[in-house]
Structure formats: structure tokens, C-alpha cells
Amino acid sequence: MVRWFSRFFARTAPHCRIARFTDSNRMAAIHAQGFAIGWDRAGIETMLGEGHVADVACRPAALGEAVIGFAISRVVLDEAELLTIALDPSARGEGIGRTLLDFHATRLRRAGATSVFLEVAADNAAALALYRRAGFAQIGRRNGYYPPAGGGAGRRDALTMRLDIAHLDPTPRAF
């Protein structure tokens, strides 16, 4: 019976909302699954406390909702920097990253940003595909920026990318 409920809820469309301090443990676990150097709960809580724009993607669960991804950015004047976007491995490939990125961009616009910058490993095909589909354009390259993947040899390049979000409606809305 429980398995049947899990399958039903797994197919339910996710929704996005503003991140809360109570999400920090799950956010840290998701980040650790996607990055060689994961952020811990305390680091995420520090960013939330400093006012970084942080959003989560959730899927309905038997007793509420389950966080399946998140994005965190900092905004300075009219520029935002996407610090990270991460999804639970079980949620990848379903379009949830794009939904989360779109929601996050709207929140960044409401925070005053007119453009978003990021850096991504040049060999991260999935992330590059997401960013390019969302409209990000490459504006630079940082040679040898990232440490080797999986402890291998040779450093990896980073691509710097930019997205114009000035066209998004900055009108505040209730979430």
C-alpha cells in the first residue's frame, strides 16, 4: 500500500517555494549528492540568514512535501550570482531543474536583479544544457578553475554565463 502511494506522489508535479531554515538538512544532503565538495547545513543556514535568494522545489509526499531540489543566489545591486542549483538524483531528467530555475529567476528579478551570472564546469553537459535552454549565454572561460572530477588528474575549465532577466515582472507576489 505504501509503495502504491509513493508511486502516485512521485508522478505529481512539483511546485516551488521560498526556502526555509527547516529545509537546510535536506538541502545539504542534496548538495552533497551532486557536488564533490558539498555544503553543510550550517553553511546553508548562514546563507539563508544573510538574505540570499533561496528557493526549493518540492514534491507532495505522504505527510506533507519532500524537498527535491534547490537554488541559491546572492544579489548585489542589479546583478545576481547563481551560487548553486541542485536536484536529488531521483528527480533529474524530469524538467524540474528548469521549473526551479524559472521560479528562481523571477524571485531574483523581484529582488532587483536585471541579470544573472554563473559559472559551471565545462564538462557538465546536463547543467550546460539546462542553462542554454533557459537562455544563458557563455561570456567567458576560466581555464583550470575546478579541481579534477573524482580525484583524477588535471583541473577542469569553468564557463561563465549570463542571463538577462530585466524583462521579467518585478511585482512582488505572495508565494
C-alpha atoms as a PDB file:
ATOM      1  CA  MET A   1       0.000   0.000   0.000  1.00  0.00           C
ATOM      2  CA  VAL A   2       2.762   2.461   0.920  1.00  0.00           C
ATOM      3  CA  ARG A   3       4.557   1.635  -2.333  1.00  0.00           C
ATOM      4  CA  TRP A   4       1.385   2.488  -4.279  1.00  0.00           C
ATOM      5  CA  PHE A   5       1.167   5.904  -2.549  1.00  0.00           C
ATOM      6  CA  SER A   6       4.845   6.571  -3.277  1.00  0.00           C
ATOM      7  CA  ARG A   7       4.346   5.927  -6.972  1.00  0.00           C
ATOM      8  CA  PHE A   8       1.295   8.176  -7.078  1.00  0.00           C
ATOM      9  CA  PHE A   9       3.034  11.084  -5.379  1.00  0.00           C
ATOM     10  CA  ALA A  10       6.260  10.616  -7.378  1.00  0.00           C
ATOM     11  CA  ARG A  11       4.281  11.440 -10.528  1.00  0.00           C
ATOM     12  CA  THR A  12       2.639  14.505  -9.063  1.00  0.00           C
ATOM     13  CA  ALA A  13       4.014  17.746 -10.477  1.00  0.00           C
ATOM     14  CA  PRO A  14       6.443  19.529  -8.193  1.00  0.00           C
ATOM     15  CA  HIS A  15       5.975  23.072  -7.008  1.00  0.00           C
ATOM     16  CA  CYS A  16       8.498  25.701  -5.981  1.00  0.00           C
ATOM     17  CA  ARG A  17       8.559  27.916  -2.922  1.00  0.00           C
ATOM     18  CA  ILE A  18      10.907  30.063  -0.877  1.00  0.00           C
ATOM     19  CA  ALA A  19      13.395  28.009   1.161  1.00  0.00           C
ATOM     20  CA  ARG A  20      13.048  27.841   4.939  1.00  0.00           C
ATOM     21  CA  PHE A  21      15.583  27.114   7.668  1.00  0.00           C
ATOM     22  CA  THR A  22      13.806  23.799   8.241  1.00  0.00           C
ATOM     23  CA  ASP A  23      14.817  22.784   4.694  1.00  0.00           C
ATOM     24  CA  SER A  24      18.549  23.148   5.378  1.00  0.00           C
ATOM     25  CA  ASN A  25      19.270  19.493   6.292  1.00  0.00           C
ATOM     26  CA  ARG A  26      17.626  18.230   3.110  1.00  0.00           C
ATOM     27  CA  MET A  27      19.303  20.928   1.017  1.00  0.00           C
ATOM     28  CA  ALA A  28      22.713  19.902   2.404  1.00  0.00           C
ATOM     29  CA  ALA A  29      22.017  16.239   1.608  1.00  0.00           C
ATOM     30  CA  ILE A  30      21.017  17.079  -1.959  1.00  0.00           C
ATOM     31  CA  HIS A  31      24.076  19.280  -2.454  1.00  0.00           C
ATOM     32  CA  ALA A  32      26.405  16.545  -1.172  1.00  0.00           C
ATOM     33  CA  GLN A  33      24.937  14.125  -3.736  1.00  0.00           C
ATOM     34  CA  GLY A  34      25.641  16.470  -6.623  1.00  0.00           C
ATOM     35  CA  PHE A  35      28.959  18.098  -5.799  1.00  0.00           C
ATOM     36  CA  ALA A  36      32.385  16.825  -4.760  1.00  0.00           C
ATOM     37  CA  ILE A  37      32.533  19.488  -2.063  1.00  0.00           C
ATOM     38  CA  GLY A  38      29.038  19.722  -0.625  1.00  0.00           C
ATOM     39  CA  TRP A  39      27.691  22.486   1.551  1.00  0.00           C
ATOM     40  CA  ASP A  40      26.705  21.547   5.078  1.00  0.00           C
ATOM     41  CA  ARG A  41      23.554  22.533   6.953  1.00  0.00           C
ATOM     42  CA  ALA A  42      25.288  25.330   8.857  1.00  0.00           C
ATOM     43  CA  GLY A  43      26.629  26.898   5.660  1.00  0.00           C
ATOM     44  CA  ILE A  44      23.213  26.824   4.044  1.00  0.00           C
ATOM     45  CA  GLU A  45      21.599  28.310   7.146  1.00  0.00           C
ATOM     46  CA  THR A  46      24.197  31.096   7.108  1.00  0.00           C
ATOM     47  CA  MET A  47      23.272  31.947   3.507  1.00  0.00           C
ATOM     48  CA  LEU A  48      19.568  31.902   4.357  1.00  0.00           C
ATOM     49  CA  GLY A  49      20.221  34.173   7.344  1.00  0.00           C
ATOM     50  CA  GLU A  50      22.254  36.591   5.209  1.00  0.00           C
ATOM     51  CA  GLY A  51      19.291  37.103   2.911  1.00  0.00           C
ATOM     52  CA  HIS A  52      20.449  35.146  -0.116  1.00  0.00           C
ATOM     53  CA  VAL A  53      17.606  34.335  -2.507  1.00  0.00           C
ATOM     54  CA  ALA A  54      16.924  30.654  -1.892  1.00  0.00           C
ATOM     55  CA  ASP A  55      14.149  28.529  -3.343  1.00  0.00           C
ATOM     56  CA  VAL A  56      13.251  24.867  -3.220  1.00  0.00           C
ATOM     57  CA  ALA A  57      11.398  22.501  -5.497  1.00  0.00           C
ATOM     58  CA  CYS A  58       9.073  20.158  -3.627  1.00  0.00           C
ATOM     59  CA  ARG A  59       7.000  17.153  -4.465  1.00  0.00           C
ATOM     60  CA  PRO A  60       3.914  16.173  -2.476  1.00  0.00           C
ATOM     61  CA  ALA A  61       4.668  13.400  -0.015  1.00  0.00           C
ATOM     62  CA  ALA A  62       2.529  11.247   2.246  1.00  0.00           C
ATOM     63  CA  LEU A  63       2.953  13.606   5.201  1.00  0.00           C
ATOM     64  CA  GLY A  64       3.438  16.993   3.550  1.00  0.00           C
ATOM     65  CA  GLU A  65       6.097  17.716   0.948  1.00  0.00           C
ATOM     66  CA  ALA A  66       9.557  16.475   0.093  1.00  0.00           C
ATOM     67  CA  VAL A  67      12.292  18.888  -0.991  1.00  0.00           C
ATOM     68  CA  ILE A  68      13.811  17.516  -4.204  1.00  0.00           C
ATOM     69  CA  GLY A  69      15.963  20.448  -5.294  1.00  0.00           C
ATOM     70  CA  PHE A  70      17.041  23.983  -4.528  1.00  0.00           C
ATOM     71  CA  ALA A  71      18.747  27.090  -5.893  1.00  0.00           C
ATOM     72  CA  ILE A  72      20.644  29.795  -4.011  1.00  0.00           C
ATOM     73  CA  SER A  73      21.823  33.147  -5.368  1.00  0.00           C
ATOM     74  CA  ARG A  74      23.167  36.355  -3.990  1.00  0.00           C
ATOM     75  CA  VAL A  75      22.045  39.720  -5.326  1.00  0.00           C
ATOM     76  CA  VAL A  76      24.224  42.820  -5.332  1.00  0.00           C
ATOM     77  CA  LEU A  77      22.613  45.917  -6.804  1.00  0.00           C
ATOM     78  CA  ASP A  78      21.164  44.782 -10.156  1.00  0.00           C
ATOM     79  CA  GLU A  79      23.249  41.621 -10.584  1.00  0.00           C
ATOM     80  CA  ALA A  80      22.630  38.159  -9.230  1.00  0.00           C
ATOM     81  CA  GLU A  81      25.079  35.300  -8.992  1.00  0.00           C
ATOM     82  CA  LEU A  82      23.629  31.802  -9.054  1.00  0.00           C
ATOM     83  CA  LEU A  83      25.747  30.082  -6.424  1.00  0.00           C
ATOM     84  CA  THR A  84      24.225  26.653  -6.863  1.00  0.00           C
ATOM     85  CA  ILE A  85      21.295  24.709  -8.178  1.00  0.00           C
ATOM     86  CA  ALA A  86      20.995  21.084  -7.175  1.00  0.00           C
ATOM     87  CA  LEU A  87      18.470  18.299  -7.625  1.00  0.00           C
ATOM     88  CA  ASP A  88      18.054  14.977  -5.923  1.00  0.00           C
ATOM     89  CA  PRO A  89      19.387  12.334  -8.350  1.00  0.00           C
ATOM     90  CA  SER A  90      15.934  10.698  -8.479  1.00  0.00           C
ATOM     91  CA  ALA A  91      14.418  13.969  -9.748  1.00  0.00           C
ATOM     92  CA  ARG A  92      16.859  14.637 -12.574  1.00  0.00           C
ATOM     93  CA  GLY A  93      15.762  14.493 -16.173  1.00  0.00           C
ATOM     94  CA  GLU A  94      12.133  15.433 -15.435  1.00  0.00           C
ATOM     95  CA  GLY A  95      12.269  19.159 -16.230  1.00  0.00           C
ATOM     96  CA  ILE A  96      12.269  20.088 -12.540  1.00  0.00           C
ATOM     97  CA  GLY A  97      15.575  21.932 -12.848  1.00  0.00           C
ATOM     98  CA  ARG A  98      14.081  24.245 -15.468  1.00  0.00           C
ATOM     99  CA  THR A  99      10.947  24.829 -13.367  1.00  0.00           C
ATOM    100  CA  LEU A 100      13.105  25.684 -10.368  1.00  0.00           C
ATOM    101  CA  LEU A 101      15.416  27.903 -12.417  1.00  0.00           C
ATOM    102  CA  ASP A 102      12.468  29.844 -13.884  1.00  0.00           C
ATOM    103  CA  PHE A 103      10.901  30.350 -10.431  1.00  0.00           C
ATOM    104  CA  HIS A 104      14.263  31.405  -9.029  1.00  0.00           C
ATOM    105  CA  ALA A 105      14.903  33.900 -11.855  1.00  0.00           C
ATOM    106  CA  THR A 106      11.546  35.541 -11.163  1.00  0.00           C
ATOM    107  CA  ARG A 107      12.435  35.872  -7.482  1.00  0.00           C
ATOM    108  CA  LEU A 108      15.833  37.331  -8.409  1.00  0.00           C
ATOM    109  CA  ARG A 109      14.083  39.930 -10.580  1.00  0.00           C
ATOM    110  CA  ARG A 110      11.836  40.835  -7.658  1.00  0.00           C
ATOM    111  CA  ALA A 111      14.989  41.275  -5.560  1.00  0.00           C
ATOM    112  CA  GLY A 112      16.193  43.901  -8.053  1.00  0.00           C
ATOM    113  CA  ALA A 113      18.440  41.874 -10.353  1.00  0.00           C
ATOM    114  CA  THR A 114      18.336  42.503 -14.097  1.00  0.00           C
ATOM    115  CA  SER A 115      20.941  39.860 -14.966  1.00  0.00           C
ATOM    116  CA  VAL A 116      22.124  36.546 -13.551  1.00  0.00           C
ATOM    117  CA  PHE A 117      25.686  35.249 -13.739  1.00  0.00           C
ATOM    118  CA  LEU A 118      27.011  31.770 -13.027  1.00  0.00           C
ATOM    119  CA  GLU A 119      29.976  29.533 -13.563  1.00  0.00           C
ATOM    120  CA  VAL A 120      29.735  25.878 -14.488  1.00  0.00           C
ATOM    121  CA  ALA A 121      32.231  23.132 -15.226  1.00  0.00           C
ATOM    122  CA  ALA A 122      32.810  22.983 -18.975  1.00  0.00           C
ATOM    123  CA  ASP A 123      32.331  19.204 -18.873  1.00  0.00           C
ATOM    124  CA  ASN A 124      28.970  19.303 -17.038  1.00  0.00           C
ATOM    125  CA  ALA A 125      26.778  18.533 -20.052  1.00  0.00           C
ATOM    126  CA  ALA A 126      23.494  18.298 -18.120  1.00  0.00           C
ATOM    127  CA  ALA A 127      23.956  21.678 -16.419  1.00  0.00           C
ATOM    128  CA  LEU A 128      25.085  23.333 -19.649  1.00  0.00           C
ATOM    129  CA  ALA A 129      22.009  22.014 -21.458  1.00  0.00           C
ATOM    130  CA  LEU A 130      19.749  23.379 -18.698  1.00  0.00           C
ATOM    131  CA  TYR A 131      21.385  26.798 -18.724  1.00  0.00           C
ATOM    132  CA  ARG A 132      21.424  27.105 -22.500  1.00  0.00           C
ATOM    133  CA  ARG A 133      17.738  26.109 -22.763  1.00  0.00           C
ATOM    134  CA  ALA A 134      16.966  28.776 -20.154  1.00  0.00           C
ATOM    135  CA  GLY A 135      18.708  31.405 -22.277  1.00  0.00           C
ATOM    136  CA  PHE A 136      22.089  31.739 -20.577  1.00  0.00           C
ATOM    137  CA  ALA A 137      24.918  32.727 -22.930  1.00  0.00           C
ATOM    138  CA  GLN A 138      28.590  31.972 -22.395  1.00  0.00           C
ATOM    139  CA  ILE A 139      30.585  35.132 -21.721  1.00  0.00           C
ATOM    140  CA  GLY A 140      33.929  33.686 -20.621  1.00  0.00           C
ATOM    141  CA  ARG A 141      36.072  30.714 -19.728  1.00  0.00           C
ATOM    142  CA  ARG A 142      38.288  30.117 -16.693  1.00  0.00           C
ATOM    143  CA  ASN A 143      40.968  27.578 -17.535  1.00  0.00           C
ATOM    144  CA  GLY A 144      41.798  25.074 -14.797  1.00  0.00           C
ATOM    145  CA  TYR A 145      39.257  26.588 -12.406  1.00  0.00           C
ATOM    146  CA  TYR A 146      37.798  23.406 -10.871  1.00  0.00           C
ATOM    147  CA  PRO A 147      39.704  20.549  -9.233  1.00  0.00           C
ATOM    148  CA  PRO A 148      39.697  17.235 -11.095  1.00  0.00           C
ATOM    149  CA  ALA A 149      36.471  15.229 -11.012  1.00  0.00           C
ATOM    150  CA  GLY A 150      36.609  12.183  -8.753  1.00  0.00           C
ATOM    151  CA  GLY A 151      40.187  12.862  -7.678  1.00  0.00           C
ATOM    152  CA  GLY A 152      41.514  12.326 -11.204  1.00  0.00           C
ATOM    153  CA  ALA A 153      44.321  14.196 -12.885  1.00  0.00           C
ATOM    154  CA  GLY A 154      44.042  17.621 -14.450  1.00  0.00           C
ATOM    155  CA  ARG A 155      41.923  20.577 -13.473  1.00  0.00           C
ATOM    156  CA  ARG A 156      38.675  21.358 -15.304  1.00  0.00           C
ATOM    157  CA  ASP A 157      37.687  24.574 -17.023  1.00  0.00           C
ATOM    158  CA  ALA A 158      34.743  26.690 -15.925  1.00  0.00           C
ATOM    159  CA  LEU A 159      32.452  28.559 -18.259  1.00  0.00           C
ATOM    160  CA  THR A 160      30.980  31.856 -17.110  1.00  0.00           C
ATOM    161  CA  MET A 161      27.447  32.536 -18.327  1.00  0.00           C
ATOM    162  CA  ARG A 162      24.925  35.365 -18.195  1.00  0.00           C
ATOM    163  CA  LEU A 163      21.143  35.633 -18.459  1.00  0.00           C
ATOM    164  CA  ASP A 164      19.198  38.872 -18.916  1.00  0.00           C
ATOM    165  CA  ILE A 165      16.104  38.903 -16.681  1.00  0.00           C
ATOM    166  CA  ALA A 166      15.170  42.595 -16.990  1.00  0.00           C
ATOM    167  CA  HIS A 167      12.044  41.596 -18.945  1.00  0.00           C
ATOM    168  CA  LEU A 168      10.589  39.597 -16.023  1.00  0.00           C
ATOM    169  CA  ASP A 169       7.821  41.210 -13.965  1.00  0.00           C
ATOM    170  CA  PRO A 170       9.326  42.505 -10.696  1.00  0.00           C
ATOM    171  CA  THR A 171       5.941  42.942  -8.999  1.00  0.00           C
ATOM    172  CA  PRO A 172       6.022  41.205  -5.603  1.00  0.00           C
ATOM    173  CA  ARG A 173       3.552  38.362  -5.182  1.00  0.00           C
ATOM    174  CA  ALA A 174       2.557  36.124  -2.326  1.00  0.00           C
ATOM    175  CA  PHE A 175       4.050  32.627  -2.525  1.00  0.00           C
END
